[in-house]
């Protein structure tokens, strides 16, 4: 995940682009930061998708463990 400073800089450049425009260097910096942000987003999203399990595809033992884990999380 990107650190807060980089995210703040992305937002700062977006605001500046709307109000007064960006220099060539700022445009390049914005493109670089956005690319890094999207790369991190896609990697994290892929990890989440890789961890998704469909209940219908679970064995009896996996389903029992899933239900037990759900109960533990609720308490």
N, C-alpha and C. Protein backbone atom coordinates (compact mmCIF):
# COMPACT_ATOMS: atom_id res chain seq x y z
N UNK A 1 0.84 -1.18 0.00
CA UNK A 1 0.00 0.00 0.00
C UNK A 1 0.88 1.24 0.00
N UNK A 2 0.42 2.25 -0.66
CA UNK A 2 1.16 3.50 -0.70
C UNK A 2 1.09 4.21 0.64
N UNK A 3 2.17 4.90 0.95
CA UNK A 3 2.15 5.65 2.21
C UNK A 3 1.28 6.91 2.05
N UNK A 4 0.89 7.45 3.17
CA UNK A 4 -0.03 8.60 3.19
C UNK A 4 0.54 9.80 2.44
N UNK A 5 1.83 10.00 2.50
CA UNK A 5 2.45 11.15 1.83
C UNK A 5 2.24 11.08 0.32
N UNK A 6 2.37 9.90 -0.26
CA UNK A 6 2.19 9.76 -1.71
C UNK A 6 0.73 9.96 -2.10
N UNK A 7 -0.17 9.43 -1.31
CA UNK A 7 -1.60 9.62 -1.59
C UNK A 7 -1.96 11.09 -1.48
N UNK A 8 -1.44 11.75 -0.46
CA UNK A 8 -1.68 13.19 -0.31
C UNK A 8 -1.14 13.95 -1.51
N UNK A 9 0.02 13.56 -2.01
CA UNK A 9 0.62 14.23 -3.17
C UNK A 9 -0.24 14.00 -4.42
N UNK A 10 -0.77 12.79 -4.59
CA UNK A 10 -1.66 12.51 -5.72
C UNK A 10 -2.86 13.46 -5.67
N UNK A 11 -3.45 13.58 -4.48
CA UNK A 11 -4.62 14.45 -4.32
C UNK A 11 -4.27 15.92 -4.53
N UNK A 12 -3.10 16.32 -4.05
CA UNK A 12 -2.65 17.70 -4.23
C UNK A 12 -2.49 18.03 -5.71
N UNK A 13 -1.87 17.12 -6.44
CA UNK A 13 -1.67 17.34 -7.88
C UNK A 13 -3.01 17.35 -8.61
N UNK A 14 -3.95 16.52 -8.20
CA UNK A 14 -5.28 16.50 -8.84
C UNK A 14 -5.99 17.83 -8.63
N UNK A 15 -5.92 18.35 -7.40
CA UNK A 15 -6.55 19.65 -7.12
C UNK A 15 -5.88 20.77 -7.94
N UNK A 16 -4.56 20.74 -7.99
CA UNK A 16 -3.83 21.78 -8.73
C UNK A 16 -4.16 21.71 -10.22
N UNK A 17 -4.30 20.48 -10.73
CA UNK A 17 -4.62 20.32 -12.15
C UNK A 17 -5.97 20.97 -12.48
N UNK A 18 -6.93 20.85 -11.56
CA UNK A 18 -8.26 21.44 -11.79
C UNK A 18 -8.24 22.95 -11.70
N UNK A 19 -7.41 23.50 -10.84
CA UNK A 19 -7.44 24.94 -10.61
C UNK A 19 -6.51 25.72 -11.52
N UNK A 20 -5.25 25.36 -11.52
CA UNK A 20 -4.29 26.18 -12.27
C UNK A 20 -3.49 25.44 -13.32
N UNK A 21 -3.61 24.13 -13.37
CA UNK A 21 -2.86 23.34 -14.34
C UNK A 21 -1.52 22.88 -13.78
N UNK A 22 -0.93 21.91 -14.45
CA UNK A 22 0.34 21.32 -14.00
C UNK A 22 1.46 21.60 -14.99
N UNK A 23 2.66 21.69 -14.44
CA UNK A 23 3.83 21.79 -15.31
C UNK A 23 4.10 20.40 -15.89
N UNK A 24 5.00 20.33 -16.83
CA UNK A 24 5.37 19.05 -17.46
C UNK A 24 5.91 18.08 -16.41
N UNK A 25 6.75 18.58 -15.50
CA UNK A 25 7.33 17.73 -14.45
C UNK A 25 6.25 17.21 -13.51
N UNK A 26 5.29 18.07 -13.19
CA UNK A 26 4.20 17.66 -12.31
C UNK A 26 3.29 16.63 -12.98
N UNK A 27 3.09 16.79 -14.29
CA UNK A 27 2.30 15.81 -15.03
C UNK A 27 2.98 14.44 -15.01
N UNK A 28 4.30 14.44 -15.18
CA UNK A 28 5.05 13.19 -15.15
C UNK A 28 5.01 12.56 -13.75
N UNK A 29 5.15 13.41 -12.73
CA UNK A 29 5.08 12.92 -11.35
C UNK A 29 3.70 12.33 -11.07
N UNK A 30 2.65 13.02 -11.53
CA UNK A 30 1.29 12.54 -11.31
C UNK A 30 1.08 11.18 -12.01
N UNK A 31 1.56 11.06 -13.21
CA UNK A 31 1.41 9.81 -13.95
C UNK A 31 2.15 8.67 -13.24
N UNK A 32 3.33 8.97 -12.75
CA UNK A 32 4.13 7.96 -12.04
C UNK A 32 3.45 7.53 -10.75
N UNK A 33 2.96 8.50 -9.98
CA UNK A 33 2.28 8.19 -8.72
C UNK A 33 0.99 7.41 -8.96
N UNK A 34 0.25 7.79 -9.98
CA UNK A 34 -0.99 7.07 -10.30
C UNK A 34 -0.69 5.64 -10.73
N UNK A 35 0.35 5.45 -11.52
CA UNK A 35 0.72 4.10 -11.95
C UNK A 35 1.10 3.24 -10.75
N UNK A 36 1.85 3.81 -9.83
CA UNK A 36 2.24 3.08 -8.62
C UNK A 36 1.01 2.75 -7.78
N UNK A 37 0.09 3.70 -7.66
CA UNK A 37 -1.15 3.48 -6.90
C UNK A 37 -1.96 2.35 -7.53
N UNK A 38 -2.13 2.39 -8.84
CA UNK A 38 -2.92 1.36 -9.51
C UNK A 38 -2.26 -0.01 -9.41
N UNK A 39 -0.95 -0.05 -9.50
CA UNK A 39 -0.23 -1.32 -9.35
C UNK A 39 -0.49 -1.93 -7.98
N UNK A 40 -0.41 -1.11 -6.94
CA UNK A 40 -0.68 -1.57 -5.58
C UNK A 40 -2.13 -1.99 -5.40
N UNK A 41 -3.05 -1.20 -5.96
CA UNK A 41 -4.47 -1.53 -5.88
C UNK A 41 -4.75 -2.88 -6.52
N UNK A 42 -4.23 -3.07 -7.72
CA UNK A 42 -4.47 -4.32 -8.44
C UNK A 42 -3.87 -5.52 -7.70
N UNK A 43 -2.68 -5.36 -7.14
CA UNK A 43 -2.04 -6.44 -6.39
C UNK A 43 -2.87 -6.80 -5.15
N UNK A 44 -3.33 -5.80 -4.41
CA UNK A 44 -4.15 -6.05 -3.22
C UNK A 44 -5.50 -6.68 -3.60
N UNK A 45 -6.09 -6.19 -4.67
CA UNK A 45 -7.37 -6.74 -5.11
C UNK A 45 -7.21 -8.19 -5.55
N UNK A 46 -6.13 -8.48 -6.25
CA UNK A 46 -5.85 -9.85 -6.69
C UNK A 46 -5.70 -10.77 -5.48
N UNK A 47 -5.01 -10.30 -4.43
CA UNK A 47 -4.86 -11.10 -3.22
C UNK A 47 -6.22 -11.39 -2.60
N UNK A 48 -7.09 -10.39 -2.57
CA UNK A 48 -8.43 -10.62 -2.01
C UNK A 48 -9.19 -11.65 -2.84
N UNK A 49 -9.12 -11.52 -4.15
CA UNK A 49 -9.82 -12.48 -5.01
C UNK A 49 -9.26 -13.89 -4.86
N UNK A 50 -7.94 -13.98 -4.69
CA UNK A 50 -7.32 -15.29 -4.53
C UNK A 50 -7.75 -15.97 -3.23
N UNK A 51 -8.16 -15.19 -2.25
CA UNK A 51 -8.57 -15.74 -0.96
C UNK A 51 -10.07 -16.02 -0.87
N UNK A 52 -10.81 -15.71 -1.92
CA UNK A 52 -12.25 -15.96 -1.92
C UNK A 52 -12.48 -17.45 -2.11
N UNK A 53 -13.33 -18.00 -1.25
CA UNK A 53 -13.73 -19.41 -1.37
C UNK A 53 -15.24 -19.46 -1.51
N UNK A 54 -15.72 -20.24 -2.43
CA UNK A 54 -17.14 -20.42 -2.60
C UNK A 54 -17.61 -21.56 -1.70
N UNK A 55 -18.64 -21.30 -0.94
CA UNK A 55 -19.15 -22.28 0.02
C UNK A 55 -19.55 -23.56 -0.70
N UNK A 56 -20.09 -23.44 -1.89
CA UNK A 56 -20.53 -24.61 -2.64
C UNK A 56 -19.37 -25.54 -2.99
N UNK A 57 -18.16 -25.00 -3.10
CA UNK A 57 -17.00 -25.79 -3.48
C UNK A 57 -16.26 -26.38 -2.29
N UNK A 58 -16.71 -26.11 -1.07
CA UNK A 58 -16.01 -26.58 0.11
C UNK A 58 -16.38 -28.02 0.45
N UNK A 59 -15.41 -28.73 1.01
CA UNK A 59 -15.69 -30.06 1.53
C UNK A 59 -16.45 -29.92 2.84
N UNK A 60 -16.97 -31.01 3.35
CA UNK A 60 -17.70 -30.99 4.62
C UNK A 60 -16.82 -30.43 5.74
N UNK A 61 -15.54 -30.83 5.77
CA UNK A 61 -14.63 -30.37 6.83
C UNK A 61 -14.35 -28.88 6.69
N UNK A 62 -14.13 -28.42 5.47
CA UNK A 62 -13.88 -27.00 5.25
C UNK A 62 -15.10 -26.17 5.61
N UNK A 63 -16.28 -26.67 5.27
CA UNK A 63 -17.51 -25.96 5.58
C UNK A 63 -17.72 -25.87 7.09
N UNK A 64 -17.44 -26.96 7.81
CA UNK A 64 -17.57 -26.96 9.27
C UNK A 64 -16.60 -25.94 9.88
N UNK A 65 -15.36 -25.90 9.37
CA UNK A 65 -14.36 -24.94 9.88
C UNK A 65 -14.80 -23.51 9.57
N UNK A 66 -15.35 -23.29 8.38
CA UNK A 66 -15.84 -21.97 7.99
C UNK A 66 -16.94 -21.51 8.94
N UNK A 67 -17.90 -22.38 9.22
CA UNK A 67 -19.00 -22.05 10.12
C UNK A 67 -18.48 -21.75 11.53
N UNK A 68 -17.52 -22.57 12.01
CA UNK A 68 -16.94 -22.35 13.34
C UNK A 68 -16.22 -21.01 13.39
N UNK A 69 -15.47 -20.70 12.34
CA UNK A 69 -14.74 -19.43 12.28
C UNK A 69 -15.71 -18.25 12.25
N UNK A 70 -16.82 -18.40 11.54
CA UNK A 70 -17.83 -17.35 11.48
C UNK A 70 -18.43 -17.10 12.86
N UNK A 71 -18.68 -18.18 13.60
CA UNK A 71 -19.22 -18.03 14.95
C UNK A 71 -18.23 -17.35 15.87
N UNK A 72 -16.93 -17.72 15.75
CA UNK A 72 -15.90 -17.09 16.59
C UNK A 72 -15.80 -15.60 16.28
N UNK A 73 -15.92 -15.24 15.02
CA UNK A 73 -15.82 -13.83 14.63
C UNK A 73 -17.00 -13.02 15.14
N UNK A 74 -18.16 -13.65 15.24
CA UNK A 74 -19.37 -12.95 15.70
C UNK A 74 -19.30 -12.64 17.19
N UNK A 75 -18.55 -13.42 17.94
CA UNK A 75 -18.47 -13.22 19.39
C UNK A 75 -17.44 -12.23 19.76
